Protein backbone atom coordinates (compact mmCIF):
# COMPACT_ATOMS: atom_id res chain seq x y z
CA MET A 1 98.54 154.85 5.61
CA LEU A 2 95.62 155.12 7.25
CA LEU A 3 96.22 158.89 9.53
CA SER A 4 96.90 162.19 7.51
CA ARG A 5 99.64 163.60 8.15
CA GLY A 6 97.70 166.62 10.20
CA CYS A 7 96.36 163.86 12.35
CA GLU A 8 99.81 162.39 12.93
CA TYR A 9 101.07 166.04 13.60
CA GLY A 10 98.02 166.58 15.87
CA LEU A 11 98.30 163.50 18.28
CA ARG A 12 102.18 164.40 18.59
CA ALA A 13 101.32 167.80 19.51
CA ALA A 14 99.04 166.74 21.83
CA ILE A 15 100.85 164.31 23.60
CA TYR A 16 103.82 166.62 23.67
CA ILE A 17 100.93 169.55 25.57
CA ALA A 18 100.62 166.64 27.91
CA GLN A 19 103.85 166.28 28.60
CA HIS A 20 104.19 169.86 29.51
CA GLU A 21 101.00 170.47 31.30
CA GLY A 22 102.45 171.82 34.29
CA ASP A 23 103.95 174.70 32.19
CA GLY A 24 100.25 176.27 31.66
CA TYR A 25 100.26 177.49 28.01
CA VAL A 26 103.06 175.79 25.55
CA PRO A 27 104.17 178.11 23.18
CA ILE A 28 103.48 176.64 19.43
CA ARG A 29 106.48 177.87 17.74
CA ARG A 30 107.99 175.48 20.52
CA VAL A 31 105.86 172.89 20.14
CA SER A 32 106.58 173.43 16.38
CA ASP A 33 110.24 173.53 16.96
CA ASP A 34 110.65 170.58 19.06
CA LEU A 35 108.71 168.26 16.91
CA GLU A 36 109.93 169.85 13.80
CA VAL A 37 105.96 170.25 12.41
CA PRO A 38 105.79 173.43 10.14
CA PHE A 39 104.34 176.28 11.68
CA HIS A 40 101.47 177.64 9.78
CA PHE A 41 100.51 173.78 9.33
CA LEU A 42 100.72 173.02 12.97
CA THR A 43 98.59 176.43 14.18
CA LYS A 44 95.80 175.12 11.41
CA ILE A 45 95.96 171.56 13.54
CA LEU A 46 95.72 173.00 16.88
CA GLN A 47 93.13 175.41 15.49
CA GLN A 48 90.57 172.06 14.57
CA LEU A 49 91.78 170.89 18.12
CA ASN A 50 90.38 174.02 19.38
CA GLY A 51 87.67 173.87 17.61
CA ALA A 52 86.82 170.20 18.99
CA LEU A 53 87.77 171.89 22.41
CA LEU A 54 90.14 169.31 22.99
CA VAL A 55 92.89 172.69 23.57
CA GLU A 56 92.45 176.18 24.32
CA SER A 57 94.41 178.88 23.32
CA PHE A 58 95.33 182.69 24.18
CA ARG A 59 97.37 185.25 22.58
CA GLY A 60 100.06 187.29 23.73
CA PRO A 61 103.58 187.18 24.96
CA LYS A 62 102.83 184.36 27.70
CA GLY A 63 100.27 182.67 25.39
CA GLY A 64 100.12 179.60 23.61
CA VAL A 65 98.14 176.32 23.89
CA ARG A 66 97.00 173.92 26.44
CA LEU A 67 94.73 170.81 26.65
CA ALA A 68 91.36 172.19 27.47
CA ARG A 69 90.83 168.98 29.54
CA SER A 70 93.03 166.47 31.46
CA PRO A 71 95.06 164.55 30.02
CA GLY A 72 93.51 161.71 31.31
CA SER A 73 90.22 162.39 29.63
CA ILE A 74 91.56 162.99 26.43
CA SER A 75 91.61 159.75 24.32
CA LEU A 76 93.20 159.27 21.38
CA LYS A 77 90.43 158.36 19.43
CA ASP A 78 89.00 162.08 20.46
CA ILE A 79 91.82 163.54 18.38
CA VAL A 80 91.55 161.53 15.55
CA VAL A 81 87.96 161.84 14.88
CA ALA A 82 88.62 165.81 15.47
CA LEU A 83 91.10 165.63 12.92
CA ASP A 84 90.24 163.27 9.90
CA GLY A 85 86.79 162.65 11.11
CA ASP A 86 85.48 159.08 11.55
CA ASP A 87 85.85 157.64 8.14
CA LEU A 88 88.56 155.23 9.17
CA PHE A 89 85.90 153.89 11.87
CA CYS A 90 82.94 153.36 9.67
CA ALA A 91 84.15 153.48 5.65
CA CYS A 92 85.07 150.48 3.30
CA VAL A 93 88.72 150.04 3.58
CA LEU A 94 89.06 150.30 -0.49
CA GLY A 95 87.23 153.34 -0.27
CA LEU A 96 84.25 151.60 -2.88
CA PRO A 97 81.26 153.46 -2.49
CA GLY A 98 77.96 151.05 -1.02
CA CYS A 99 79.95 148.63 0.58
CA GLY A 100 78.60 147.55 3.48
CA ASP A 101 76.83 144.57 5.51
CA GLU A 102 74.27 143.91 2.78
CA VAL A 103 77.05 144.31 0.27
CA PRO A 104 80.14 143.79 1.74
CA CYS A 105 83.58 143.71 -0.65
CA PRO A 106 85.98 141.19 -0.59
CA LEU A 107 87.90 142.81 2.49
CA HIS A 108 84.83 143.96 4.33
CA VAL A 109 84.23 141.44 6.92
CA GLU A 110 88.15 141.45 7.98
CA TRP A 111 88.37 145.04 7.63
CA SER A 112 84.95 145.97 10.33
CA ARG A 113 86.95 143.24 12.66
CA GLU A 114 90.37 145.21 12.51
CA ARG A 115 88.37 148.83 12.00
CA ASP A 116 86.33 147.66 15.61
CA ARG A 117 89.67 146.80 17.54
CA LEU A 118 91.49 149.70 16.02
CA SER A 119 88.49 152.30 17.55
CA ASN A 120 88.32 150.45 20.82
CA LEU A 121 92.42 150.77 21.19
CA LEU A 122 92.56 154.14 20.32
CA GLU A 123 88.86 155.19 22.24
CA SER A 124 90.40 153.33 25.60
CA THR A 125 94.01 155.24 25.19
CA THR A 126 94.12 158.39 27.03
CA LEU A 127 96.90 161.03 26.12
CA ALA A 128 97.92 160.85 29.85
CA GLU A 129 98.84 156.90 28.94
CA THR A 130 100.17 157.70 26.27
CA ALA A 131 102.58 160.37 27.17
CA SER A 132 104.01 158.61 30.42
CA GLN A 133 104.96 156.06 28.67
CA ILE A 134 106.76 157.68 25.73
CA VAL A 135 108.50 159.38 28.24
CA ALA A 136 109.28 156.22 30.42
CA GLY A 137 110.32 154.39 27.32
CA GLY A 138 112.81 157.01 26.24
CA ILE A 139 110.57 157.43 22.81
CA ARG A 140 111.14 160.75 20.86
CA ILE A 141 108.04 162.27 19.52
CA GLY A 142 110.29 164.74 17.77
CA GLY A 143 113.28 166.48 16.82
CA ALA A 144 114.39 167.69 20.20
CA SER A 145 113.97 166.37 23.90
CA ASN A 146 110.54 165.10 25.11
CA SER A 147 111.45 167.44 28.65
């Protein structure tokens, strides 16, 4: 598992929020229910995204969360780094201390290539693209409808 469960939920939540960009603030309970993500866990994830300036939150009856920037300016890598850090893009796949170009582990060279490809893919893919492709493809990101 390359991404933590929290990161997977955060990506899905950000995509969901991007799909509802015109709705203003989206209630966290609605995101939680529609994505079937535990409310308190999702709240912590959204706090991390808020701290990374990727989402904004607003309290009160009309409160919720919304993207802090245009979904076209937020890459999937922005979200991954905000939630899981950048270890995925620089650490040894086997978790071996000291692994690097000077003293490589058996998977170092191949993993470096794949890691760079993954980094480039996530950096070049925006929330806007992902959200629209999910809708166009009829893919469900949660238990409820994506609309």
